[in-house]
Every structure is written in C-alpha cells, then in structure tokens.
Amino acid sequence: MSEAALPAVLSLLGVLGTVAVGYLTAAQARTRADLARLTRENRALWYYIRHLIDWGYRPHEQGERPPDPPEPIRHLFEFGEPK
C-alpha cells in the first residue's frame, strides 16, 4: 500500500467504526425500550390475573362478567384481525 492511500484507508476505517458504534448504540436503546415495555406489561398482567383469581373465588351474581383488563394490556386481549 502506498503512503498516499494510508490516510484514505484510515479515514474509511474511522467512518465505518463510527457508523458501527452508532448502530450498536441505537440497537441497545431499542432493546432497553422493549425490555421496559415488557416489564410494564408483565407487571400489569400479573396484577390482572391476581385480580381475576380473587374475583373467581368471591361470590358474584349470576351472569356477572369478570373485570375488563386494564388499559396497558388491553391489546393483549383483543382477538381477531388487527385494526
């Protein structure tokens, strides 16, 4: 490799390294956001299921429906084609 090409190769490697670090940082941010969302949904599901269990063990009127799921997890209980 000639001495004239060395700065160009080093510049290219620097740009590629910067792009790679940017991509990995964005991927990590997306992963953290997904993990936070899953944690919130998991907690809401746990509380809702606990509430359903309590509802099932107490006496209730004939035809009384179980409580609806809370808003953060309502989409998990919508069946059929997505809107």
PDB file of N, CA and C in Angstrom:
ATOM      1  N   MET A   1       0.850  -1.165   0.000  1.00  0.00           N
ATOM      2  CA  MET A   1       0.000   0.000   0.000  1.00  0.00           C
ATOM      3  C   MET A   1       0.900   1.234   0.000  1.00  0.00           C
ATOM      4  N   SER A   2       0.536   2.194  -0.777  1.00  0.00           N
ATOM      5  CA  SER A   2       1.341   3.407  -0.863  1.00  0.00           C
ATOM      6  C   SER A   2       1.028   4.323   0.308  1.00  0.00           C
ATOM      7  N   GLU A   3       1.939   5.225   0.572  1.00  0.00           N
ATOM      8  CA  GLU A   3       1.759   6.157   1.684  1.00  0.00           C
ATOM      9  C   GLU A   3       0.617   7.132   1.418  1.00  0.00           C
ATOM     10  N   ALA A   4       0.303   7.376   0.172  1.00  0.00           N
ATOM     11  CA  ALA A   4      -0.787   8.298  -0.163  1.00  0.00           C
ATOM     12  C   ALA A   4      -2.146   7.672   0.151  1.00  0.00           C
ATOM     13  N   ALA A   5      -2.258   6.364   0.064  1.00  0.00           N
ATOM     14  CA  ALA A   5      -3.534   5.690   0.295  1.00  0.00           C
ATOM     15  C   ALA A   5      -3.801   5.454   1.782  1.00  0.00           C
ATOM     16  N   LEU A   6      -2.774   5.493   2.607  1.00  0.00           N
ATOM     17  CA  LEU A   6      -2.927   5.215   4.036  1.00  0.00           C
ATOM     18  C   LEU A   6      -3.923   6.157   4.726  1.00  0.00           C
ATOM     19  N   PRO A   7      -3.846   7.481   4.532  1.00  0.00           N
ATOM     20  CA  PRO A   7      -4.836   8.357   5.177  1.00  0.00           C
ATOM     21  C   PRO A   7      -6.274   8.071   4.726  1.00  0.00           C
ATOM     22  N   ALA A   8      -6.470   7.708   3.471  1.00  0.00           N
ATOM     23  CA  ALA A   8      -7.808   7.407   2.967  1.00  0.00           C
ATOM     24  C   ALA A   8      -8.350   6.141   3.627  1.00  0.00           C
ATOM     25  N   VAL A   9      -7.494   5.129   3.764  1.00  0.00           N
ATOM     26  CA  VAL A   9      -7.917   3.883   4.401  1.00  0.00           C
ATOM     27  C   VAL A   9      -8.234   4.122   5.877  1.00  0.00           C
ATOM     28  N   LEU A  10      -7.403   4.901   6.553  1.00  0.00           N
ATOM     29  CA  LEU A  10      -7.654   5.204   7.963  1.00  0.00           C
ATOM     30  C   LEU A  10      -8.936   6.012   8.129  1.00  0.00           C
ATOM     31  N   SER A  11      -9.193   6.948   7.228  1.00  0.00           N
ATOM     32  CA  SER A  11     -10.434   7.720   7.281  1.00  0.00           C
ATOM     33  C   SER A  11     -11.644   6.814   7.075  1.00  0.00           C
ATOM     34  N   LEU A  12     -11.549   5.908   6.121  1.00  0.00           N
ATOM     35  CA  LEU A  12     -12.635   4.971   5.856  1.00  0.00           C
ATOM     36  C   LEU A  12     -12.899   4.092   7.087  1.00  0.00           C
ATOM     37  N   LEU A  13     -11.835   3.593   7.699  1.00  0.00           N
ATOM     38  CA  LEU A  13     -11.996   2.780   8.903  1.00  0.00           C
ATOM     39  C   LEU A  13     -12.624   3.583  10.041  1.00  0.00           C
ATOM     40  N   GLY A  14     -12.251   4.847  10.157  1.00  0.00           N
ATOM     41  CA  GLY A  14     -12.839   5.707  11.182  1.00  0.00           C
ATOM     42  C   GLY A  14     -14.327   5.916  10.960  1.00  0.00           C
ATOM     43  N   VAL A  15     -14.705   6.156   9.707  1.00  0.00           N
ATOM     44  CA  VAL A  15     -16.122   6.348   9.385  1.00  0.00           C
ATOM     45  C   VAL A  15     -16.900   5.061   9.641  1.00  0.00           C
ATOM     46  N   LEU A  16     -16.373   3.931   9.203  1.00  0.00           N
ATOM     47  CA  LEU A  16     -17.048   2.648   9.424  1.00  0.00           C
ATOM     48  C   LEU A  16     -17.170   2.342  10.914  1.00  0.00           C
ATOM     49  N   GLY A  17     -16.150   2.648  11.681  1.00  0.00           N
ATOM     50  CA  GLY A  17     -16.208   2.445  13.122  1.00  0.00           C
ATOM     51  C   GLY A  17     -17.261   3.320  13.776  1.00  0.00           C
ATOM     52  N   THR A  18     -17.354   4.560  13.335  1.00  0.00           N
ATOM     53  CA  THR A  18     -18.359   5.475  13.875  1.00  0.00           C
ATOM     54  C   THR A  18     -19.770   4.999  13.545  1.00  0.00           C
ATOM     55  N   VAL A  19     -19.968   4.528  12.331  1.00  0.00           N
ATOM     56  CA  VAL A  19     -21.265   4.009  11.930  1.00  0.00           C
ATOM     57  C   VAL A  19     -21.616   2.772  12.761  1.00  0.00           C
ATOM     58  N   ALA A  20     -20.646   1.892  12.957  1.00  0.00           N
ATOM     59  CA  ALA A  20     -20.898   0.673  13.740  1.00  0.00           C
ATOM     60  C   ALA A  20     -21.263   1.013  15.183  1.00  0.00           C
ATOM     61  N   VAL A  21     -20.554   1.959  15.794  1.00  0.00           N
ATOM     62  CA  VAL A  21     -20.859   2.357  17.172  1.00  0.00           C
ATOM     63  C   VAL A  21     -22.244   2.994  17.239  1.00  0.00           C
ATOM     64  N   GLY A  22     -22.601   3.810  16.282  1.00  0.00           N
ATOM     65  CA  GLY A  22     -23.925   4.423  16.241  1.00  0.00           C
ATOM     66  C   GLY A  22     -25.018   3.380  16.106  1.00  0.00           C
ATOM     67  N   TYR A  23     -24.811   2.405  15.237  1.00  0.00           N
ATOM     68  CA  TYR A  23     -25.802   1.340  15.054  1.00  0.00           C
ATOM     69  C   TYR A  23     -25.975   0.532  16.339  1.00  0.00           C
ATOM     70  N   LEU A  24     -24.871   0.167  16.969  1.00  0.00           N
ATOM     71  CA  LEU A  24     -24.959  -0.624  18.205  1.00  0.00           C
ATOM     72  C   LEU A  24     -25.604   0.170  19.336  1.00  0.00           C
ATOM     73  N   THR A  25     -25.351   1.461  19.400  1.00  0.00           N
ATOM     74  CA  THR A  25     -25.980   2.299  20.421  1.00  0.00           C
ATOM     75  C   THR A  25     -27.491   2.370  20.205  1.00  0.00           C
ATOM     76  N   ALA A  26     -27.908   2.530  18.961  1.00  0.00           N
ATOM     77  CA  ALA A  26     -29.342   2.569  18.650  1.00  0.00           C
ATOM     78  C   ALA A  26     -29.995   1.220  18.954  1.00  0.00           C
ATOM     79  N   ALA A  27     -29.318   0.127  18.625  1.00  0.00           N
ATOM     80  CA  ALA A  27     -29.865  -1.199  18.904  1.00  0.00           C
ATOM     81  C   ALA A  27     -30.016  -1.413  20.409  1.00  0.00           C
ATOM     82  N   GLN A  28     -29.047  -0.935  21.170  1.00  0.00           N
ATOM     83  CA  GLN A  28     -29.126  -1.074  22.623  1.00  0.00           C
ATOM     84  C   GLN A  28     -30.285  -0.244  23.181  1.00  0.00           C
ATOM     85  N   ALA A  29     -30.496   0.946  22.650  1.00  0.00           N
ATOM     86  CA  ALA A  29     -31.609   1.786  23.110  1.00  0.00           C
ATOM     87  C   ALA A  29     -32.944   1.122  22.795  1.00  0.00           C
ATOM     88  N   ARG A  30     -33.077   0.524  21.600  1.00  0.00           N
ATOM     89  CA  ARG A  30     -34.318  -0.175  21.245  1.00  0.00           C
ATOM     90  C   ARG A  30     -34.544  -1.366  22.173  1.00  0.00           C
ATOM     91  N   THR A  31     -33.485  -2.091  22.482  1.00  0.00           N
ATOM     92  CA  THR A  31     -33.598  -3.249  23.357  1.00  0.00           C
ATOM     93  C   THR A  31     -34.035  -2.830  24.757  1.00  0.00           C
ATOM     94  N   ARG A  32     -33.477  -1.738  25.259  1.00  0.00           N
ATOM     95  CA  ARG A  32     -33.866  -1.263  26.586  1.00  0.00           C
ATOM     96  C   ARG A  32     -35.317  -0.813  26.604  1.00  0.00           C
ATOM     97  N   ALA A  33     -35.759  -0.151  25.544  1.00  0.00           N
ATOM     98  CA  ALA A  33     -37.150   0.289  25.466  1.00  0.00           C
ATOM     99  C   ALA A  33     -38.087  -0.920  25.414  1.00  0.00           C
ATOM    100  N   ASP A  34     -37.713  -1.930  24.630  1.00  0.00           N
ATOM    101  CA  ASP A  34     -38.532  -3.149  24.552  1.00  0.00           C
ATOM    102  C   ASP A  34     -38.580  -3.859  25.898  1.00  0.00           C
ATOM    103  N   LEU A  35     -37.455  -3.917  26.578  1.00  0.00           N
ATOM    104  CA  LEU A  35     -37.412  -4.575  27.885  1.00  0.00           C
ATOM    105  C   LEU A  35     -38.261  -3.818  28.907  1.00  0.00           C
ATOM    106  N   ALA A  36     -38.225  -2.498  28.867  1.00  0.00           N
ATOM    107  CA  ALA A  36     -39.049  -1.702  29.785  1.00  0.00           C
ATOM    108  C   ALA A  36     -40.532  -1.934  29.495  1.00  0.00           C
ATOM    109  N   ARG A  37     -40.913  -1.985  28.211  1.00  0.00           N
ATOM    110  CA  ARG A  37     -42.311  -2.232  27.842  1.00  0.00           C
ATOM    111  C   ARG A  37     -42.752  -3.619  28.307  1.00  0.00           C
ATOM    112  N   LEU A  38     -41.909  -4.615  28.090  1.00  0.00           N
ATOM    113  CA  LEU A  38     -42.249  -5.976  28.515  1.00  0.00           C
ATOM    114  C   LEU A  38     -42.374  -6.074  30.034  1.00  0.00           C
ATOM    115  N   THR A  39     -41.545  -5.352  30.745  1.00  0.00           N
ATOM    116  CA  THR A  39     -41.624  -5.353  32.204  1.00  0.00           C
ATOM    117  C   THR A  39     -42.937  -4.744  32.672  1.00  0.00           C
ATOM    118  N   ARG A  40     -43.347  -3.617  32.057  1.00  0.00           N
ATOM    119  CA  ARG A  40     -44.622  -2.992  32.424  1.00  0.00           C
ATOM    120  C   ARG A  40     -45.791  -3.926  32.110  1.00  0.00           C
ATOM    121  N   GLU A  41     -45.766  -4.548  30.931  1.00  0.00           N
ATOM    122  CA  GLU A  41     -46.843  -5.464  30.559  1.00  0.00           C
ATOM    123  C   GLU A  41     -46.881  -6.671  31.490  1.00  0.00           C
ATOM    124  N   ASN A  42     -45.726  -7.207  31.830  1.00  0.00           N
ATOM    125  CA  ASN A  42     -45.667  -8.365  32.711  1.00  0.00           C
ATOM    126  C   ASN A  42     -46.256  -8.034  34.079  1.00  0.00           C
ATOM    127  N   ARG A  43     -45.918  -6.876  34.615  1.00  0.00           N
ATOM    128  CA  ARG A  43     -46.447  -6.472  35.922  1.00  0.00           C
ATOM    129  C   ARG A  43     -47.956  -6.275  35.850  1.00  0.00           C
ATOM    130  N   ALA A  44     -48.421  -5.626  34.777  1.00  0.00           N
ATOM    131  CA  ALA A  44     -49.866  -5.408  34.628  1.00  0.00           C
ATOM    132  C   ALA A  44     -50.597  -6.738  34.462  1.00  0.00           C
ATOM    133  N   LEU A  45     -50.023  -7.669  33.714  1.00  0.00           N
ATOM    134  CA  LEU A  45     -50.641  -8.995  33.566  1.00  0.00           C
ATOM    135  C   LEU A  45     -50.709  -9.727  34.900  1.00  0.00           C
ATOM    136  N   TRP A  46     -49.651  -9.646  35.669  1.00  0.00           N
ATOM    137  CA  TRP A  46     -49.621 -10.326  36.962  1.00  0.00           C
ATOM    138  C   TRP A  46     -50.729  -9.785  37.866  1.00  0.00           C
ATOM    139  N   TYR A  47     -50.847  -8.459  37.949  1.00  0.00           N
ATOM    140  CA  TYR A  47     -51.882  -7.866  38.791  1.00  0.00           C
ATOM    141  C   TYR A  47     -53.281  -8.201  38.279  1.00  0.00           C
ATOM    142  N   TYR A  48     -53.476  -8.197  36.974  1.00  0.00           N
ATOM    143  CA  TYR A  48     -54.798  -8.500  36.413  1.00  0.00           C
ATOM    144  C   TYR A  48     -55.176  -9.956  36.684  1.00  0.00           C
ATOM    145  N   ILE A  49     -54.243 -10.871  36.496  1.00  0.00           N
ATOM    146  CA  ILE A  49     -54.532 -12.283  36.756  1.00  0.00           C
ATOM    147  C   ILE A  49     -54.817 -12.502  38.242  1.00  0.00           C
ATOM    148  N   ARG A  50     -54.072 -11.817  39.090  1.00  0.00           N
ATOM    149  CA  ARG A  50     -54.329 -11.911  40.532  1.00  0.00           C
ATOM    150  C   ARG A  50     -55.744 -11.408  40.844  1.00  0.00           C
ATOM    151  N   HIS A  51     -56.136 -10.320  40.194  1.00  0.00           N
ATOM    152  CA  HIS A  51     -57.477  -9.760  40.376  1.00  0.00           C
ATOM    153  C   HIS A  51     -58.535 -10.745  39.876  1.00  0.00           C
ATOM    154  N   LEU A  52     -58.292 -11.414  38.755  1.00  0.00           N
ATOM    155  CA  LEU A  52     -59.237 -12.400  38.244  1.00  0.00           C
ATOM    156  C   LEU A  52     -59.381 -13.587  39.183  1.00  0.00           C
ATOM    157  N   ILE A  53     -58.273 -14.019  39.753  1.00  0.00           N
ATOM    158  CA  ILE A  53     -58.327 -15.133  40.711  1.00  0.00           C
ATOM    159  C   ILE A  53     -59.159 -14.734  41.921  1.00  0.00           C
ATOM    160  N   ASP A  54     -58.910 -13.534  42.440  1.00  0.00           N
ATOM    161  CA  ASP A  54     -59.703 -13.058  43.575  1.00  0.00           C
ATOM    162  C   ASP A  54     -61.176 -12.947  43.204  1.00  0.00           C
ATOM    163  N   TRP A  55     -61.468 -12.453  42.016  1.00  0.00           N
ATOM    164  CA  TRP A  55     -62.855 -12.317  41.551  1.00  0.00           C
ATOM    165  C   TRP A  55     -63.516 -13.688  41.464  1.00  0.00           C
ATOM    166  N   GLY A  56     -62.772 -14.692  40.986  1.00  0.00           N
ATOM    167  CA  GLY A  56     -63.331 -16.026  40.827  1.00  0.00           C
ATOM    168  C   GLY A  56     -63.658 -16.707  42.138  1.00  0.00           C
ATOM    169  N   TYR A  57     -62.949 -16.354  43.210  1.00  0.00           N
ATOM    170  CA  TYR A  57     -63.177 -17.001  44.491  1.00  0.00           C
ATOM    171  C   TYR A  57     -64.267 -16.345  45.322  1.00  0.00           C
ATOM    172  N   ARG A  58     -64.643 -15.116  44.977  1.00  0.00           N
ATOM    173  CA  ARG A  58     -65.696 -14.473  45.770  1.00  0.00           C
ATOM    174  C   ARG A  58     -67.050 -14.726  45.098  1.00  0.00           C
ATOM    175  N   PRO A  59     -68.094 -14.756  45.893  1.00  0.00           N
ATOM    176  CA  PRO A  59     -69.420 -14.972  45.291  1.00  0.00           C
ATOM    177  C   PRO A  59     -69.823 -13.767  44.441  1.00  0.00           C
ATOM    178  N   HIS A  60     -70.488 -14.035  43.347  1.00  0.00           N
ATOM    179  CA  HIS A  60     -70.957 -12.957  42.478  1.00  0.00           C
ATOM    180  C   HIS A  60     -72.288 -13.362  41.853  1.00  0.00           C
ATOM    181  N   GLU A  61     -72.962 -12.378  41.319  1.00  0.00           N
ATOM    182  CA  GLU A  61     -74.282 -12.581  40.741  1.00  0.00           C
ATOM    183  C   GLU A  61     -74.201 -13.473  39.505  1.00  0.00           C
ATOM    184  N   GLN A  62     -75.311 -14.148  39.215  1.00  0.00           N
ATOM    185  CA  GLN A  62     -75.395 -14.967  38.007  1.00  0.00           C
ATOM    186  C   GLN A  62     -75.244 -14.056  36.785  1.00  0.00           C
ATOM    187  N   GLY A  63     -74.358 -14.409  35.883  1.00  0.00           N
ATOM    188  CA  GLY A  63     -74.148 -13.639  34.663  1.00  0.00           C
ATOM    189  C   GLY A  63     -73.194 -12.467  34.816  1.00  0.00           C
ATOM    190  N   GLU A  64     -72.668 -12.258  36.024  1.00  0.00           N
ATOM    191  CA  GLU A  64     -71.720 -11.160  36.219  1.00  0.00           C
ATOM    192  C   GLU A  64     -70.435 -11.468  35.462  1.00  0.00           C
ATOM    193  N   ARG A  65     -69.986 -10.511  34.722  1.00  0.00           N
ATOM    194  CA  ARG A  65     -68.779 -10.707  33.906  1.00  0.00           C
ATOM    195  C   ARG A  65     -67.527 -10.395  34.720  1.00  0.00           C
ATOM    196  N   PRO A  66     -66.432 -11.066  34.399  1.00  0.00           N
ATOM    197  CA  PRO A  66     -65.180 -10.734  35.081  1.00  0.00           C
ATOM    198  C   PRO A  66     -64.731  -9.316  34.690  1.00  0.00           C
ATOM    199  N   PRO A  67     -63.882  -8.725  35.492  1.00  0.00           N
ATOM    200  CA  PRO A  67     -63.443  -7.357  35.190  1.00  0.00           C
ATOM    201  C   PRO A  67     -62.645  -7.314  33.885  1.00  0.00           C
ATOM    202  N   ASP A  68     -62.776  -6.193  33.191  1.00  0.00           N
ATOM    203  CA  ASP A  68     -62.012  -5.995  31.956  1.00  0.00           C
ATOM    204  C   ASP A  68     -60.548  -5.765  32.289  1.00  0.00           C
ATOM    205  N   PRO A  69     -59.656  -6.102  31.354  1.00  0.00           N
ATOM    206  CA  PRO A  69     -58.234  -5.873  31.602  1.00  0.00           C
ATOM    207  C   PRO A  69     -57.925  -4.377  31.636  1.00  0.00           C
ATOM    208  N   PRO A  70     -56.893  -3.989  32.353  1.00  0.00           N
ATOM    209  CA  PRO A  70     -56.516  -2.575  32.390  1.00  0.00           C
ATOM    210  C   PRO A  70     -55.987  -2.115  31.021  1.00  0.00           C
ATOM    211  N   GLU A  71     -55.971  -0.828  30.817  1.00  0.00           N
ATOM    212  CA  GLU A  71     -55.604  -0.235  29.530  1.00  0.00           C
ATOM    213  C   GLU A  71     -54.212  -0.662  29.021  1.00  0.00           C
ATOM    214  N   PRO A  72     -53.188  -0.734  29.869  1.00  0.00           N
ATOM    215  CA  PRO A  72     -51.853  -1.074  29.337  1.00  0.00           C
ATOM    216  C   PRO A  72     -51.762  -2.451  28.686  1.00  0.00           C
ATOM    217  N   ILE A  73     -52.667  -3.366  29.062  1.00  0.00           N
ATOM    218  CA  ILE A  73     -52.595  -4.714  28.483  1.00  0.00           C
ATOM    219  C   ILE A  73     -53.858  -5.084  27.718  1.00  0.00           C
ATOM    220  N   ARG A  74     -54.733  -4.140  27.502  1.00  0.00           N
ATOM    221  CA  ARG A  74     -55.990  -4.433  26.812  1.00  0.00           C
ATOM    222  C   ARG A  74     -55.737  -5.003  25.418  1.00  0.00           C
ATOM    223  N   HIS A  75     -54.701  -4.525  24.745  1.00  0.00           N
ATOM    224  CA  HIS A  75     -54.414  -5.003  23.387  1.00  0.00           C
ATOM    225  C   HIS A  75     -54.067  -6.495  23.362  1.00  0.00           C
ATOM    226  N   LEU A  76     -53.621  -7.047  24.471  1.00  0.00           N
ATOM    227  CA  LEU A  76     -53.289  -8.470  24.524  1.00  0.00           C
ATOM    228  C   LEU A  76     -54.539  -9.347  24.541  1.00  0.00           C
ATOM    229  N   PHE A  77     -55.689  -8.748  24.854  1.00  0.00           N
ATOM    230  CA  PHE A  77     -56.934  -9.497  24.959  1.00  0.00           C
ATOM    231  C   PHE A  77     -57.897  -9.203  23.813  1.00  0.00           C
ATOM    232  N   GLU A  78     -57.443  -8.495  22.807  1.00  0.00           N
ATOM    233  CA  GLU A  78     -58.270  -8.201  21.638  1.00  0.00           C
ATOM    234  C   GLU A  78     -57.987  -9.274  20.588  1.00  0.00           C
ATOM    235  N   PHE A  79     -58.966 -10.088  20.327  1.00  0.00           N
ATOM    236  CA  PHE A  79     -58.796 -11.198  19.392  1.00  0.00           C
ATOM    237  C   PHE A  79     -59.370 -10.841  18.026  1.00  0.00           C
ATOM    238  N   GLY A  80     -58.950 -11.553  17.042  1.00  0.00           N
ATOM    239  CA  GLY A  80     -59.436 -11.306  15.674  1.00  0.00           C
ATOM    240  C   GLY A  80     -58.388 -10.539  14.880  1.00  0.00           C
ATOM    241  N   GLU A  81     -58.837  -9.993  13.777  1.00  0.00           N
ATOM    242  CA  GLU A  81     -57.942  -9.268  12.897  1.00  0.00           C
ATOM    243  C   GLU A  81     -57.528  -7.935  13.526  1.00  0.00           C
ATOM    244  N   PRO A  82     -56.250  -7.556  13.395  1.00  0.00           N
ATOM    245  CA  PRO A  82     -55.831  -6.249  13.920  1.00  0.00           C
ATOM    246  C   PRO A  82     -56.515  -5.120  13.154  1.00  0.00           C
ATOM    247  N   LYS A  83     -56.803  -4.056  13.863  1.00  0.00           N
ATOM    248  CA  LYS A  83     -57.498  -2.915  13.249  1.00  0.00           C
ATOM    249  C   LYS A  83     -56.533  -1.965  12.622  1.00  0.00           C
TER     250      LYS A  83
END
